[in-house]
Every structure is written in structure tokens, then in C-alpha cells.
């Protein structure tokens, strides 16, 4: 007869190692997303700044 498995009969070392791997995967995905979004974010911030100072290429009268 097999003993009944209980929730508290887990190996915490394996659980923490798996949790750490999950956190590392999440952090890697987050860094990759931020790196890939830079070509969109930087020009957007530049245009937002130019709009805030009322920048215009039209000649002034």
C-alpha cells in the first residue's frame, strides 16, 4: 500500500530552484521586451518633447 501524499511533503530545494528559474525566465522576457521596444520609445519621447516646446519647421513670418 502506497503512503498518501500530502501537500507539505515537498522538497523545498527543488521548489525554490524551479521558482528561481521561473523568475529568471520572466526577467529575461522583460529585458528582451524593453530592449525591443527602444526603437519605438525613443522617437516617441523625442516627438513628445518637440511637441511640448511647440517646435515647428515652418518659417516664421
C-alpha atoms as a PDB file:
ATOM      1  CA  UNK A   1       0.000   0.000   0.000  1.00  0.00           C
ATOM      2  CA  UNK A   2       1.335   3.406  -1.008  1.00  0.00           C
ATOM      3  CA  UNK A   3       1.501   6.206   1.556  1.00  0.00           C
ATOM      4  CA  UNK A   4      -0.820   9.118   0.970  1.00  0.00           C
ATOM      5  CA  UNK A   5       0.878  12.207  -0.474  1.00  0.00           C
ATOM      6  CA  UNK A   6       0.448  15.400   1.489  1.00  0.00           C
ATOM      7  CA  UNK A   7       0.917  19.000   0.430  1.00  0.00           C
ATOM      8  CA  UNK A   8       3.682  19.591   2.976  1.00  0.00           C
ATOM      9  CA  UNK A   9       5.748  16.655   1.698  1.00  0.00           C
ATOM     10  CA  UNK A  10       7.513  18.696  -0.968  1.00  0.00           C
ATOM     11  CA  UNK A  11      11.229  19.178  -1.413  1.00  0.00           C
ATOM     12  CA  UNK A  12      11.743  22.872  -0.806  1.00  0.00           C
ATOM     13  CA  UNK A  13      15.091  22.905  -2.591  1.00  0.00           C
ATOM     14  CA  UNK A  14      13.507  21.692  -5.822  1.00  0.00           C
ATOM     15  CA  UNK A  15      10.560  24.057  -5.368  1.00  0.00           C
ATOM     16  CA  UNK A  16      12.804  27.092  -4.792  1.00  0.00           C
ATOM     17  CA  UNK A  17      15.082  26.166  -7.699  1.00  0.00           C
ATOM     18  CA  UNK A  18      12.065  25.900 -10.014  1.00  0.00           C
ATOM     19  CA  UNK A  19      10.718  29.212  -8.694  1.00  0.00           C
ATOM     20  CA  UNK A  20      14.088  30.884  -9.300  1.00  0.00           C
ATOM     21  CA  UNK A  21      14.177  29.534 -12.884  1.00  0.00           C
ATOM     22  CA  UNK A  22      10.680  30.923 -13.461  1.00  0.00           C
ATOM     23  CA  UNK A  23      11.702  34.332 -12.107  1.00  0.00           C
ATOM     24  CA  UNK A  24      14.826  34.304 -14.306  1.00  0.00           C
ATOM     25  CA  UNK A  25      12.731  33.477 -17.377  1.00  0.00           C
ATOM     26  CA  UNK A  26      10.346  36.313 -16.557  1.00  0.00           C
ATOM     27  CA  UNK A  27      13.224  38.779 -16.063  1.00  0.00           C
ATOM     28  CA  UNK A  28      14.787  37.705 -19.371  1.00  0.00           C
ATOM     29  CA  UNK A  29      11.484  38.194 -21.188  1.00  0.00           C
ATOM     30  CA  UNK A  30      11.054  41.612 -19.557  1.00  0.00           C
ATOM     31  CA  UNK A  31      14.552  42.751 -20.576  1.00  0.00           C
ATOM     32  CA  UNK A  32      14.013  41.476 -24.108  1.00  0.00           C
ATOM     33  CA  UNK A  33      10.707  43.337 -24.365  1.00  0.00           C
ATOM     34  CA  UNK A  34      12.299  46.565 -23.101  1.00  0.00           C
ATOM     35  CA  UNK A  35      15.240  46.229 -25.489  1.00  0.00           C
ATOM     36  CA  UNK A  36      12.999  45.574 -28.477  1.00  0.00           C
ATOM     37  CA  UNK A  37      10.711  48.481 -27.601  1.00  0.00           C
ATOM     38  CA  UNK A  38      13.522  51.073 -27.582  1.00  0.00           C
ATOM     39  CA  UNK A  39      13.283  51.871 -31.337  1.00  0.00           C
ATOM     40  CA  UNK A  40       9.678  52.897 -30.742  1.00  0.00           C
ATOM     41  CA  UNK A  41      10.016  54.536 -27.328  1.00  0.00           C
ATOM     42  CA  UNK A  42      12.985  56.827 -28.081  1.00  0.00           C
ATOM     43  CA  UNK A  43      11.487  58.570 -31.162  1.00  0.00           C
ATOM     44  CA  UNK A  44       8.166  58.862 -29.335  1.00  0.00           C
ATOM     45  CA  UNK A  45       9.840  60.649 -26.427  1.00  0.00           C
ATOM     46  CA  UNK A  46      11.693  62.945 -28.841  1.00  0.00           C
ATOM     47  CA  UNK A  47       8.479  63.835 -30.676  1.00  0.00           C
ATOM     48  CA  UNK A  48       6.662  64.352 -27.390  1.00  0.00           C
ATOM     49  CA  UNK A  49       9.392  66.759 -26.281  1.00  0.00           C
ATOM     50  CA  UNK A  50       9.302  68.652 -29.578  1.00  0.00           C
ATOM     51  CA  UNK A  51       5.529  68.922 -29.319  1.00  0.00           C
ATOM     52  CA  UNK A  52       5.798  70.255 -25.756  1.00  0.00           C
ATOM     53  CA  UNK A  53       8.118  73.114 -26.811  1.00  0.00           C
ATOM     54  CA  UNK A  54       5.877  73.923 -29.808  1.00  0.00           C
ATOM     55  CA  UNK A  55       8.611  73.066 -32.295  1.00  0.00           C
ATOM     56  CA  UNK A  56       7.762  73.887 -35.903  1.00  0.00           C
ATOM     57  CA  UNK A  57       9.729  73.550 -39.149  1.00  0.00           C
ATOM     58  CA  UNK A  58       7.610  76.211 -40.871  1.00  0.00           C
ATOM     59  CA  UNK A  59       9.353  79.556 -41.440  1.00  0.00           C
ATOM     60  CA  UNK A  60       8.296  82.300 -39.078  1.00  0.00           C
ATOM     61  CA  UNK A  61       6.580  85.306 -40.659  1.00  0.00           C
END
